[in-house]
Protein backbone atom coordinates (compact mmCIF):
# COMPACT_ATOMS: atom_id res chain seq x y z
CA MET A 1 76.39 76.23 111.71
CA SER A 2 73.27 77.66 110.07
CA ALA A 3 71.99 81.16 110.76
CA HIS A 4 68.91 79.61 112.40
CA SER A 5 70.61 77.22 114.80
CA VAL A 6 70.92 79.86 117.50
CA ASN A 7 67.16 80.43 117.77
CA SER A 8 66.71 77.57 120.24
CA PRO A 9 68.72 78.69 123.27
CA ALA A 10 70.06 76.08 125.60
CA SER A 11 69.58 78.46 128.52
CA GLY A 12 65.95 77.46 129.10
CA ILE A 13 64.87 81.13 128.73
CA ASP A 14 62.08 81.61 126.22
CA PRO A 15 63.07 83.05 122.82
CA ILE A 16 60.64 85.97 123.04
CA THR A 17 62.27 87.28 126.23
CA LEU A 18 65.72 86.88 124.68
CA GLU A 19 64.65 88.81 121.60
CA VAL A 20 63.16 91.63 123.70
CA ILE A 21 66.45 91.93 125.62
CA ARG A 22 68.45 91.82 122.42
CA GLN A 23 66.43 94.62 120.83
CA GLU A 24 66.76 96.76 123.95
CA LEU A 25 70.53 96.25 123.96
CA VAL A 26 70.60 97.61 120.41
CA SER A 27 68.17 100.41 121.27
CA ILE A 28 69.93 101.84 124.34
CA PRO A 29 73.03 103.18 122.51
CA ASN A 30 70.73 104.75 119.92
CA GLN A 31 68.83 106.58 122.68
CA ILE A 32 72.05 107.93 124.17
CA ASP A 33 73.24 108.86 120.68
CA LYS A 34 70.26 111.23 120.30
CA ASP A 35 70.88 112.78 123.72
CA ILE A 36 74.52 113.48 122.83
CA VAL A 37 73.54 115.28 119.63
CA ARG A 38 71.18 117.52 121.60
CA THR A 39 73.59 118.32 124.43
CA ALA A 40 77.04 118.62 122.79
CA PHE A 41 78.56 122.05 122.20
CA SER A 42 80.84 121.67 119.17
CA ALA A 43 79.75 121.07 115.58
CA PHE A 44 82.16 118.11 115.57
CA ILE A 45 79.66 116.25 117.72
CA SER A 46 76.28 117.91 117.18
CA GLU A 47 76.51 118.15 113.37
CA TYR A 48 79.44 116.14 112.02
CA LYS A 49 78.75 113.38 114.60
CA ASP A 50 82.33 112.26 115.16
CA TYR A 51 81.59 109.94 118.06
CA SER A 52 80.46 106.44 119.01
CA VAL A 53 78.16 105.02 121.69
CA GLY A 54 78.11 101.39 122.73
CA ILE A 55 78.05 98.56 125.24
CA VAL A 56 80.81 96.01 125.81
CA ASP A 57 80.77 93.06 128.18
CA ALA A 58 82.83 92.65 131.35
CA THR A 59 85.87 91.60 129.28
CA GLY A 60 85.59 94.29 126.57
CA ALA A 61 83.77 92.25 123.89
CA LEU A 62 81.36 94.36 121.83
CA ILE A 63 77.64 93.88 122.52
CA SER A 64 76.11 96.75 120.57
CA GLN A 65 76.75 100.22 119.17
CA SER A 66 74.58 103.07 117.96
CA ARG A 67 73.70 103.21 114.27
CA GLY A 68 75.44 106.55 113.84
CA SER A 69 78.78 105.37 115.24
CA LEU A 70 81.72 105.81 112.88
CA ALA A 71 82.82 102.58 111.27
CA ILE A 72 86.39 103.02 112.50
CA PHE A 73 85.06 103.12 116.06
CA VAL A 74 82.54 100.32 115.57
CA ALA A 75 85.42 98.00 114.76
CA ASN A 76 87.07 97.75 118.19
CA ALA A 77 87.85 101.11 119.82
CA LEU A 78 85.50 100.83 122.79
CA GLY A 79 86.55 97.34 123.83
CA THR A 80 90.23 98.17 123.36
CA ALA A 81 89.99 101.05 125.86
CA VAL A 82 88.10 98.91 128.38
CA LYS A 83 90.63 96.08 128.13
CA ASP A 84 93.40 98.55 128.97
CA GLY A 85 91.44 99.68 132.02
CA LEU A 86 90.94 96.10 133.16
CA ALA A 87 94.67 95.44 132.79
CA ILE A 88 95.61 98.54 134.79
CA TYR A 89 92.96 98.56 137.55
CA GLY A 90 91.61 95.02 137.58
CA ALA A 91 87.87 94.33 137.44
CA ASP A 92 87.48 94.44 141.23
CA ASN A 93 88.85 97.99 141.38
CA LEU A 94 86.43 99.38 138.79
CA ARG A 95 83.65 100.38 141.16
CA PRO A 96 80.04 101.56 140.79
CA GLY A 97 80.00 105.26 139.92
CA ASP A 98 83.48 105.23 138.33
CA VAL A 99 83.97 106.80 134.93
CA ILE A 100 87.29 106.23 133.13
CA LEU A 101 88.73 107.92 130.07
CA SER A 102 91.63 107.12 127.76
CA ASN A 103 93.12 108.25 124.47
CA HIS A 104 96.25 106.13 124.87
CA ALA A 105 97.91 105.78 121.49
CA GLY A 106 99.73 102.61 122.49
CA THR A 107 96.46 100.71 122.96
CA LEU A 108 93.82 102.52 120.90
CA GLY A 109 96.24 103.14 118.04
CA GLN A 110 94.40 106.28 116.84
CA HIS A 111 95.04 109.99 116.99
CA LEU A 112 94.86 111.51 120.45
CA ASN A 113 91.65 113.44 119.74
CA ASN A 114 89.69 110.16 119.92
CA VAL A 115 88.92 109.80 123.62
CA VAL A 116 86.97 106.84 125.02
CA MET A 117 84.98 107.39 128.21
CA TYR A 118 83.40 104.36 129.89
CA THR A 119 81.71 103.32 133.10
CA PRO A 120 81.19 99.87 134.68
CA VAL A 121 77.66 98.46 134.96
CA HIS A 122 77.03 96.42 138.12
CA VAL A 123 73.90 94.43 138.95
CA ASP A 124 73.55 92.67 142.30
CA GLY A 125 77.23 93.28 142.94
CA LYS A 126 78.31 91.65 139.66
CA LEU A 127 80.16 93.49 136.88
CA ILE A 128 78.13 92.68 133.75
CA ALA A 129 79.17 95.34 131.19
CA PHE A 130 80.67 98.73 130.46
CA PHE A 131 78.82 101.60 128.81
CA CYS A 132 81.10 103.60 126.54
CA VAL A 133 81.08 106.89 124.66
CA LEU A 134 83.95 107.81 122.34
CA MET A 135 84.23 111.41 121.13
CA HIS A 136 86.62 113.26 118.89
CA TRP A 137 87.68 116.09 121.17
CA ILE A 138 87.92 119.26 119.09
CA ASP A 139 91.38 120.24 120.35
CA ILE A 140 93.74 118.92 123.02
CA GLY A 141 96.79 121.10 122.45
CA GLY A 142 99.73 120.13 120.30
CA MET A 143 101.57 122.08 117.62
CA MET A 144 98.51 122.95 115.51
CA VAL A 145 94.90 123.99 116.00
CA GLY A 146 92.85 120.81 116.09
CA SER A 147 95.82 118.81 117.49
CA CYS A 148 95.70 116.02 114.89
CA SER A 149 95.97 118.49 111.99
CA SER A 150 99.69 118.59 111.23
CA THR A 151 100.91 116.71 108.16
CA VAL A 152 104.54 117.02 109.25
CA ALA A 153 104.45 115.87 112.89
CA THR A 154 107.03 113.16 113.58
CA GLU A 155 106.20 112.14 117.17
CA ILE A 156 103.09 111.75 119.29
CA PHE A 157 104.20 114.46 121.73
CA GLN A 158 103.60 117.10 119.04
CA GLU A 159 99.96 116.10 118.75
CA GLY A 160 98.44 116.95 122.11
CA LEU A 161 97.56 115.76 125.59
CA HIS A 162 98.08 112.04 126.21
CA LEU A 163 95.74 110.54 128.84
CA ARG A 164 96.02 106.86 129.63
CA THR A 165 93.17 105.25 131.56
CA LEU A 166 92.34 107.84 134.24
CA ARG A 167 89.32 108.21 136.49
CA VAL A 168 87.37 111.32 135.54
CA VAL A 169 84.73 110.36 138.11
CA ASN A 170 85.63 108.32 141.21
CA GLU A 171 82.62 106.51 142.74
CA GLY A 172 80.34 109.39 141.75
CA ARG A 173 82.77 112.23 142.62
CA ARG A 174 84.14 114.33 139.73
CA ASN A 175 87.91 114.61 139.50
CA ASP A 176 88.10 118.41 139.28
CA GLU A 177 91.88 118.38 138.94
CA LEU A 178 91.73 116.30 135.76
CA PHE A 179 89.06 118.60 134.34
CA ARG A 180 91.36 121.54 135.07
CA VAL A 181 94.26 119.84 133.26
CA ILE A 182 92.04 119.36 130.21
CA GLU A 183 90.69 122.93 130.33
CA TYR A 184 94.18 124.42 130.15
CA ASN A 185 95.35 122.13 127.34
CA THR A 186 92.82 123.10 124.69
CA ARG A 187 92.30 126.13 122.50
CA PHE A 188 88.51 125.76 122.81
CA PRO A 189 87.81 125.18 126.52
CA ASP A 190 84.13 126.15 126.46
CA MET A 191 83.27 123.90 123.54
CA LEU A 192 85.41 120.99 124.69
CA LEU A 193 84.17 121.01 128.28
CA GLY A 194 80.61 121.20 126.97
CA ASP A 195 81.23 118.16 124.78
CA ILE A 196 82.81 116.31 127.71
CA ASP A 197 79.74 116.99 129.84
CA ALA A 198 77.60 115.47 127.06
CA GLN A 199 79.96 112.51 126.91
CA LEU A 200 79.85 112.04 130.68
CA GLY A 201 76.07 112.38 130.79
CA GLY A 202 75.77 109.78 128.04
CA CYS A 203 77.92 107.32 129.98
CA GLU A 204 75.94 107.74 133.18
CA MET A 205 72.51 107.53 131.55
CA GLY A 206 73.59 104.52 129.48
CA ARG A 207 74.86 102.77 132.61
CA GLN A 208 71.48 103.25 134.29
CA LEU A 209 69.54 101.91 131.31
CA VAL A 210 71.68 98.78 130.94
CA ALA A 211 71.51 98.08 134.68
CA GLN A 212 67.72 98.52 134.65
CA LEU A 213 67.41 96.12 131.69
CA ALA A 214 69.50 93.40 133.35
CA SER A 215 67.68 93.85 136.68
CA ARG A 216 64.27 93.64 135.03
CA TYR A 217 64.91 90.30 133.30
CA GLY A 218 67.69 88.93 135.48
CA VAL A 219 71.39 88.60 134.78
CA PRO A 220 71.11 84.99 133.44
CA ALA A 221 68.60 86.09 130.78
CA TYR A 222 70.71 89.15 129.98
CA ASP A 223 73.84 87.01 129.53
CA ALA A 224 71.93 84.50 127.40
CA ALA A 225 70.68 87.27 125.08
CA VAL A 226 74.22 88.57 124.61
CA ARG A 227 75.49 85.09 123.74
CA GLN A 228 72.63 84.66 121.30
CA MET A 229 73.51 87.95 119.59
CA TRP A 230 77.11 86.87 119.15
CA ASP A 231 76.24 83.37 117.96
CA HIS A 232 73.69 84.65 115.46
CA SER A 233 76.11 87.18 113.92
CA GLU A 234 78.90 84.62 113.73
CA ALA A 235 76.58 82.12 112.04
CA MET A 236 75.62 84.64 109.37
CA VAL A 237 79.26 85.32 108.52
CA LEU A 238 80.11 81.62 108.48
CA SER A 239 77.18 80.79 106.22
CA LEU A 240 78.68 83.11 103.59
CA LEU A 241 82.31 82.24 104.28
CA GLU A 242 81.65 78.57 103.69
CA GLN A 243 80.47 79.37 100.14
CA ALA A 244 83.88 80.70 99.09
CA LYS A 245 86.54 78.66 97.37
CA PRO A 246 89.36 78.16 99.91
CA GLY A 247 92.62 79.80 98.98
CA GLU A 248 94.70 82.96 99.11
CA TYR A 249 93.57 86.17 97.45
CA GLU A 250 95.73 89.26 96.98
CA ALA A 251 95.26 92.95 96.21
CA TYR A 252 97.53 95.98 96.04
CA SER A 253 97.07 99.74 96.21
CA PHE A 254 99.10 102.67 97.49
CA LEU A 255 98.91 106.07 99.17
CA ASP A 256 100.42 109.21 97.65
CA ASN A 257 102.97 109.87 100.43
CA ASP A 258 103.42 110.22 104.19
CA GLY A 259 103.16 114.02 104.33
CA ILE A 260 106.94 114.49 104.61
CA LEU A 261 108.51 112.49 101.76
CA LEU A 262 106.12 113.79 99.13
CA ASP A 263 107.61 111.88 96.22
CA LYS A 264 107.55 108.45 97.90
CA ILE A 265 104.39 106.34 97.66
CA VAL A 266 103.19 104.15 100.54
CA PRO A 267 102.48 100.55 99.37
CA VAL A 268 99.41 98.71 100.65
CA GLY A 269 99.76 94.98 99.89
CA VAL A 270 97.08 92.67 101.32
CA LYS A 271 96.53 88.92 101.33
CA VAL A 272 93.28 87.28 102.39
CA ARG A 273 93.32 83.57 103.19
CA ILE A 274 90.12 81.56 103.42
CA ALA A 275 90.29 78.14 105.02
CA GLY A 276 87.09 76.53 106.22
CA ARG A 277 85.49 78.65 108.92
CA LYS A 278 88.39 81.09 109.24
CA LEU A 279 89.29 84.23 107.29
CA THR A 280 92.80 85.64 107.78
CA VAL A 281 93.82 89.11 106.63
CA ASP A 282 97.59 89.32 106.23
CA PHE A 283 99.03 92.87 106.18
CA SER A 284 102.71 91.91 106.07
CA GLY A 285 102.94 93.50 102.61
CA VAL A 286 102.10 97.03 103.71
CA ALA A 287 104.71 99.78 104.11
CA ASP A 288 106.84 100.15 107.21
CA GLN A 289 106.11 102.77 109.85
CA LEU A 290 106.26 106.26 108.32
CA ALA A 291 108.19 109.34 109.34
CA GLY A 292 105.09 111.50 109.19
CA PRO A 293 101.72 111.23 110.96
CA PHE A 294 100.02 108.84 108.52
CA ASN A 295 100.40 105.94 110.94
CA ALA A 296 98.06 103.98 113.19
CA GLY A 297 98.67 101.45 115.93
CA ARG A 298 97.75 97.81 115.45
CA ASN A 299 94.29 98.05 117.03
CA GLY A 300 93.33 101.34 115.40
CA GLY A 301 94.97 100.39 112.11
CA ALA A 302 95.26 96.80 110.93
CA VAL A 303 92.60 95.27 113.19
CA ALA A 304 90.12 98.13 112.64
CA ALA A 305 90.57 98.06 108.84
CA ALA A 306 90.11 94.29 108.61
CA ARG A 307 87.00 94.39 110.80
CA ILE A 308 85.46 97.23 108.80
CA ALA A 309 86.02 95.35 105.53
CA LEU A 310 84.58 92.14 106.98
CA LYS A 311 81.46 93.92 108.24
CA TYR A 312 80.81 95.73 104.96
CA PHE A 313 81.33 92.59 102.94
CA PHE A 314 79.36 90.01 104.93
CA THR A 315 76.69 91.54 107.19
CA PRO A 316 76.34 95.25 106.39
CA GLY A 317 72.62 95.36 107.18
CA GLN A 318 72.87 93.81 110.65
CA ALA A 319 73.63 95.54 113.94
CA VAL A 320 77.30 95.07 114.79
CA ASN A 321 78.62 92.97 117.68
CA GLU A 322 81.62 90.82 118.57
CA GLY A 323 80.16 87.78 116.82
CA ASP A 324 80.73 89.43 113.43
CA PHE A 325 84.48 89.16 113.98
CA ARG A 326 84.89 85.70 115.55
CA PRO A 327 85.93 84.09 112.20
CA LEU A 328 88.55 86.82 111.59
CA GLU A 329 92.28 86.67 112.27
CA VAL A 330 94.65 89.57 111.54
CA GLU A 331 98.34 89.05 110.87
CA ILE A 332 100.81 91.93 110.84
CA PRO A 333 104.28 92.41 112.30
CA ASP A 334 104.93 95.38 114.57
CA GLY A 335 106.43 98.47 112.99
CA LYS A 336 104.23 98.75 109.90
CA PHE A 337 102.36 101.97 109.22
CA ILE A 338 99.14 100.34 110.47
CA SER A 339 100.88 98.65 113.42
CA ALA A 340 103.06 101.58 114.47
CA THR A 341 104.97 101.36 117.74
CA GLY A 342 106.94 103.69 119.99
CA ASN A 343 106.25 107.41 119.89
CA GLY A 344 105.51 107.78 116.18
CA ALA A 345 103.01 110.44 115.14
CA LEU A 346 99.41 109.20 114.68
CA GLY A 347 97.61 112.44 113.87
CA SER A 348 96.41 111.16 110.50
CA SER A 349 95.62 107.67 111.76
CA GLY A 350 92.25 107.56 110.06
CA ASN A 351 93.16 109.20 106.78
CA MET A 352 94.61 106.13 105.12
CA ILE A 353 92.30 103.49 106.65
CA PRO A 354 89.69 103.83 103.83
CA THR A 355 92.35 102.83 101.28
CA VAL A 356 93.35 99.83 103.39
CA VAL A 357 89.69 98.80 103.68
CA ASP A 358 89.23 99.22 99.92
CA THR A 359 92.22 96.97 99.32
CA VAL A 360 90.95 94.21 101.62
CA MET A 361 87.60 94.36 99.85
CA ARG A 362 89.34 94.14 96.47
CA ALA A 363 91.02 90.92 97.60
CA LEU A 364 87.68 89.58 98.88
CA ALA A 365 86.09 90.41 95.52
CA ASP A 366 87.98 87.54 93.85
CA ALA A 367 86.65 85.12 96.46
CA PHE A 368 83.07 86.46 96.26
CA PRO A 369 82.52 87.91 92.75
CA ASP A 370 78.77 88.27 93.33
CA ARG A 371 79.43 90.56 96.33
CA ALA A 372 82.27 92.52 94.71
CA VAL A 373 82.27 96.30 94.65
CA ALA A 374 84.60 98.76 92.92
CA ALA A 375 86.76 101.17 94.92
CA HIS A 376 85.35 104.31 96.50
CA HIS A 377 87.05 107.71 96.78
CA GLY A 378 89.19 106.19 99.50
CA THR A 379 90.33 109.01 101.78
CA TYR A 380 89.23 111.24 104.63
CA GLY A 381 90.31 114.17 102.46
CA VAL A 382 90.58 116.71 105.28
CA HIS A 383 90.20 120.39 104.47
CA ALA A 384 90.10 122.36 107.73
CA PHE A 385 89.87 126.15 107.90
CA HIS A 386 91.26 127.82 111.00
CA GLY A 387 92.61 131.08 112.40
CA ARG A 388 91.74 133.83 114.86
CA ASP A 389 88.82 136.21 114.81
CA PRO A 390 90.44 139.67 114.37
CA GLN A 391 87.83 141.30 116.62
CA THR A 392 87.82 138.88 119.55
CA GLY A 393 91.21 137.20 119.12
CA ARG A 394 89.53 133.81 119.66
CA HIS A 395 90.36 130.74 117.59
CA PHE A 396 87.96 129.41 114.99
CA TYR A 397 88.20 125.99 113.42
CA ASN A 398 86.03 124.05 111.00
CA LEU A 399 87.18 120.62 109.90
CA ASP A 400 85.53 119.03 106.90
CA THR A 401 86.28 115.81 105.07
CA ILE A 402 85.63 114.74 101.51
CA CYS A 403 82.24 113.53 100.36
CA GLY A 404 82.97 111.53 97.23
CA GLY A 405 81.72 108.67 95.12
CA TRP A 406 81.48 105.03 96.14
CA GLY A 407 82.12 102.11 93.83
CA ALA A 408 79.54 100.38 91.65
CA SER A 409 78.55 96.73 92.05
CA ALA A 410 77.15 94.11 89.69
CA THR A 411 73.60 95.33 90.25
CA MET A 412 73.82 98.96 91.33
CA ASP A 413 75.43 102.27 90.42
CA GLY A 414 77.83 103.60 93.00
CA TYR A 415 76.40 105.49 95.96
CA GLY A 416 77.35 109.03 96.74
CA PRO A 417 78.52 111.57 97.31
CA SER A 418 79.24 110.30 100.80
CA ARG A 419 82.12 110.14 103.24
CA SER A 420 84.66 107.36 103.43
CA ASN A 421 84.03 103.75 104.38
CA ALA A 422 85.70 104.46 107.74
CA HIS A 423 83.13 107.17 108.52
CA GLY A 424 79.68 105.76 108.00
CA ASP A 425 76.75 108.05 108.76
CA THR A 426 78.66 111.30 109.28
CA GLY A 427 76.75 114.48 108.45
CA ASN A 428 77.68 117.76 106.83
CA VAL A 429 78.07 120.84 108.98
CA PRO A 430 75.42 123.19 107.53
CA VAL A 431 76.78 125.82 105.17
CA GLU A 432 75.09 128.57 107.19
CA MET A 433 76.82 127.47 110.41
CA GLN A 434 80.21 127.44 108.68
CA GLU A 435 79.71 130.89 107.20
CA ILE A 436 78.74 132.32 110.60
CA THR A 437 81.84 130.99 112.36
CA CYS A 438 84.51 131.16 109.61
CA PRO A 439 85.61 133.99 107.28
CA TYR A 440 84.46 132.48 103.99
CA ARG A 441 81.39 132.21 101.81
CA PHE A 442 80.32 129.21 99.76
CA GLU A 443 80.06 130.25 96.13
CA SER A 444 78.97 126.77 95.04
CA TYR A 445 78.49 123.23 96.31
CA ARG A 446 77.54 120.89 93.49
CA LEU A 447 78.02 117.45 91.99
CA ARG A 448 81.13 116.90 89.89
CA PRO A 449 80.13 115.66 86.41
CA ASP A 450 82.10 112.77 84.89
CA SER A 451 83.82 112.00 88.21
CA GLY A 452 82.21 108.56 88.59
CA GLY A 453 84.01 105.72 86.84
CA ALA A 454 82.28 104.67 83.63
CA GLY A 455 80.75 101.21 83.46
CA ARG A 456 77.68 99.08 82.99
CA GLN A 457 77.04 100.33 86.50
CA ARG A 458 78.47 103.82 86.98
CA GLY A 459 80.57 104.88 89.95
CA GLY A 460 79.19 107.44 92.40
CA LEU A 461 79.98 111.12 91.92
CA GLY A 462 82.23 113.49 93.80
CA VAL A 463 81.44 117.13 94.49
CA VAL A 464 82.91 120.56 93.80
CA LYS A 465 83.02 123.01 96.71
CA THR A 466 84.07 126.60 96.12
CA TYR A 467 84.99 128.83 99.07
CA ARG A 468 85.41 132.62 98.71
CA ILE A 469 87.78 133.78 101.45
CA LEU A 470 86.56 136.94 103.24
CA GLY A 471 89.40 137.40 105.72
CA ALA A 472 92.84 136.09 106.60
CA CYS A 473 92.84 132.46 107.71
CA ARG A 474 94.54 129.15 106.93
CA VAL A 475 93.48 125.88 105.34
CA ASN A 476 94.92 122.55 106.44
CA LEU A 477 94.85 119.87 103.73
CA LYS A 478 95.19 116.09 103.87
CA ILE A 479 94.16 114.92 100.40
CA ASP A 480 95.30 111.48 99.18
CA ARG A 481 94.64 108.73 96.63
CA THR A 482 95.29 111.14 93.75
CA GLN A 483 97.75 108.73 92.09
CA CYS A 484 95.99 105.46 92.95
CA ARG A 485 92.61 106.44 91.58
CA PRO A 486 89.44 104.56 92.63
CA TRP A 487 89.62 101.42 90.52
CA GLY A 488 86.83 99.80 88.57
CA LEU A 489 85.99 96.10 88.32
CA TYR A 490 85.48 93.78 85.36
CA GLY A 491 86.07 96.43 82.73
CA GLY A 492 84.73 99.38 84.73
CA GLY A 493 86.58 102.69 84.57
CA GLU A 494 88.44 104.54 87.32
CA GLY A 495 86.84 107.35 89.24
CA ALA A 496 88.33 110.82 88.91
CA ALA A 497 90.90 111.77 91.55
CA SER A 498 90.48 114.55 94.09
CA GLU A 499 91.98 117.96 93.37
CA VAL A 500 92.55 121.20 95.25
CA GLU A 501 92.94 124.57 93.57
CA ILE A 502 93.75 127.85 95.31
CA ARG A 503 93.17 130.85 93.06
CA ARG A 504 94.90 133.79 94.65
CA ALA A 505 93.42 137.26 94.48
CA ASP A 506 96.49 138.37 92.46
CA GLY A 507 95.83 135.72 89.76
CA ARG A 508 98.29 133.02 90.88
CA VAL A 509 97.01 129.44 90.93
CA GLU A 510 98.31 126.79 93.36
CA ARG A 511 97.39 123.09 93.52
CA PRO A 512 98.44 121.76 96.95
CA LEU A 513 97.28 118.43 98.38
CA LYS A 514 98.75 118.42 101.88
CA GLY A 515 100.03 120.92 104.40
CA ASP A 516 98.89 124.15 106.06
CA HIS A 517 98.40 127.13 103.73
CA ALA A 518 97.80 130.83 104.40
CA LEU A 519 94.78 132.44 102.75
CA ASP A 520 93.90 136.09 102.25
CA GLU A 521 90.78 138.03 101.46
CA GLY A 522 89.69 137.48 97.87
CA ASP A 523 91.31 134.05 97.46
CA LEU A 524 89.22 131.22 96.08
CA VAL A 525 89.59 127.62 97.34
CA ILE A 526 88.11 124.90 95.12
CA ILE A 527 87.88 121.31 96.38
CA ARG A 528 87.04 118.70 93.73
CA THR A 529 86.43 115.30 95.24
CA ALA A 530 86.95 111.86 93.75
CA GLY A 531 84.33 109.56 92.26
CA GLY A 532 83.90 105.83 92.69
CA GLY A 533 84.99 103.13 90.26
CA GLY A 534 82.65 101.64 87.66
CA TYR A 535 81.60 98.01 87.21
CA GLY A 536 81.52 96.30 83.80
CA ALA A 537 82.22 97.75 80.36
CA ALA A 538 80.82 101.24 79.72
CA ILE A 539 79.37 100.23 76.33
CA GLU A 540 77.15 97.71 78.14
CA ARG A 541 75.28 100.47 79.98
CA PRO A 542 71.78 100.85 78.54
CA PRO A 543 71.68 103.99 76.37
CA ALA A 544 68.53 105.19 78.14
CA LEU A 545 70.43 105.26 81.47
CA VAL A 546 73.27 107.23 79.87
CA ALA A 547 70.73 109.72 78.50
CA ARG A 548 69.24 110.03 81.99
CA ASP A 549 72.73 110.61 83.47
CA VAL A 550 73.30 113.41 80.97
CA GLU A 551 69.91 114.94 81.76
CA HIS A 552 70.70 114.94 85.48
CA GLY A 553 74.19 116.38 84.97
CA TYR A 554 76.03 113.26 86.15
CA VAL A 555 77.70 112.64 82.76
CA SER A 556 78.57 115.22 80.11
CA ARG A 557 77.40 114.88 76.51
CA GLU A 558 81.02 114.58 75.47
CA ALA A 559 81.68 111.65 77.84
CA ALA A 560 78.42 109.99 76.84
CA ARG A 561 79.65 109.92 73.26
CA ALA A 562 83.36 109.25 73.77
CA VAL A 563 83.26 106.85 76.73
CA TYR A 564 79.81 105.23 76.66
CA GLY A 565 79.32 105.36 72.89
CA VAL A 566 75.90 107.00 73.20
CA ALA A 567 74.84 109.76 70.80
CA LEU A 568 72.11 112.17 71.84
CA ASP A 569 70.07 114.52 69.67
CA GLU A 570 69.47 118.16 70.55
CA ALA A 571 66.51 117.23 72.74
CA GLY A 572 68.59 114.72 74.71
CA ALA A 573 67.01 111.60 73.19
CA VAL A 574 69.16 108.64 72.14
CA ASP A 575 70.14 108.55 68.47
CA SER A 576 69.96 104.75 68.07
CA ARG A 577 71.69 104.51 64.70
CA GLU A 578 74.64 106.71 65.64
CA THR A 579 74.89 104.98 69.03
CA ALA A 580 75.14 101.57 67.35
CA ARG A 581 77.93 102.91 65.09
CA LEU A 582 79.83 104.43 68.02
CA ARG A 583 79.60 101.30 70.17
CA ALA A 584 80.75 99.08 67.33
CA GLY A 585 83.84 101.26 67.05
CA LEU A 586 84.53 101.18 70.80
CA ALA A 587 84.04 97.41 70.92
CA GLY A 588 86.44 96.83 68.01
């Protein structure tokens, strides 16, 4: 099937009308996205943007999602929640004006903070879609502030309130009892209830806009536009997939540990099989379910990771929909750490997904060398400060995740610093907002020189963040991929690994990577984040680009000479003769 074969619809509806509907279906979630940013209470939503907005069809198949939606949600979270609701209630019992919510670990397969809210869209008595808003709720109880924060939780019951497919609004009437349950199971009731109101408002406004669109053009035209979207996306993937040499491609990486057994790595073995118009990702080689919280269920783990990798690799510039994933099959037995079952802890369900995605993309690189990309920093890298305000006694909490380097490709240096490949377009909480709400001051926030893997194309850089602690608090850490550094490709070097350093006021220095740690006034916390891998041999990088990297502070003079074989004079210009001598030595 060519990418153009879907432009002549068999529905008899003119292509211009179909394209108008298609563009509106993409536009509506983006409109609601902006409303949510303006109306949410917590920085998690208004600044960090840990949420997703989208439309799925009457069976849960993805139609569209907002551009700012996190990649791990874009994959399948919205449809998974809706499918659970259909199984429990049945389509006929999901009525106009209903709004349902769920964070059920057994279906979503993610930490309990990720709560999907959705509402059915009816036109002329027919169920045509669901409008969905997923938010990371700032806190829903559990053993630690933030609920999903613990690195030593061993069962889901330690991680907060578990809500499976419940009506928060019943035919237009709010379920005040459920709101009261939520209010008394969070440490931040004002912020959380404010976020929930934004989530609910987004669902209801989105429902109206989708219903108006389908009514304006008619349900047959609406349905035809959705089918066209899916067919077009599938055709684009197939047109690339058919260029690959059929066969099986493998890759391997590993995580540092599971948060409990700190000296035991977690293997990530992946096989990708390409056969005609089908791509199968086989995760049977990954580690078994873990004792700690670095697990995910099948939908939030294996399926999400495979879908993210497929989208990045084949159609990253196109709006996402279910058609992107039609050629994909995922194989994994139950009971692996990305297909966890039972009541295992899932608090860190997202933390290891970037490494899994990296590994799938490494396997795909051998099938598509021209689209290959080196590894990125590969972890959420949580560093969350929390405690109680000594004057008011109220909790404070600021969760941040690593911004690090992304891997280089055959034609481009690595991007960054940016968040993980499971995040997408997630923003920084402004320094000023953090300093107002938490007892620390930023002493520096800068790029980390020499952190990007050396290569003909250089890996992206990490950052160095230095926090001066002004009052007693705690920092929760979930840093990984320090042993399996971001790999390079085709002779490219590894990126530097992430590091944490706590310099105590009394002169002691600690270097923790996971766990919850007490801090006191005068302590210094330094977070150094990883860089991305390089592509190609470092001595193939044009000397003028190395000189520019040194000028901008991306590469040190020492690394320019020792790694890239480029000598610079006092003014920063390339010494051609000495450079030729150095590179001859490195090549020999």
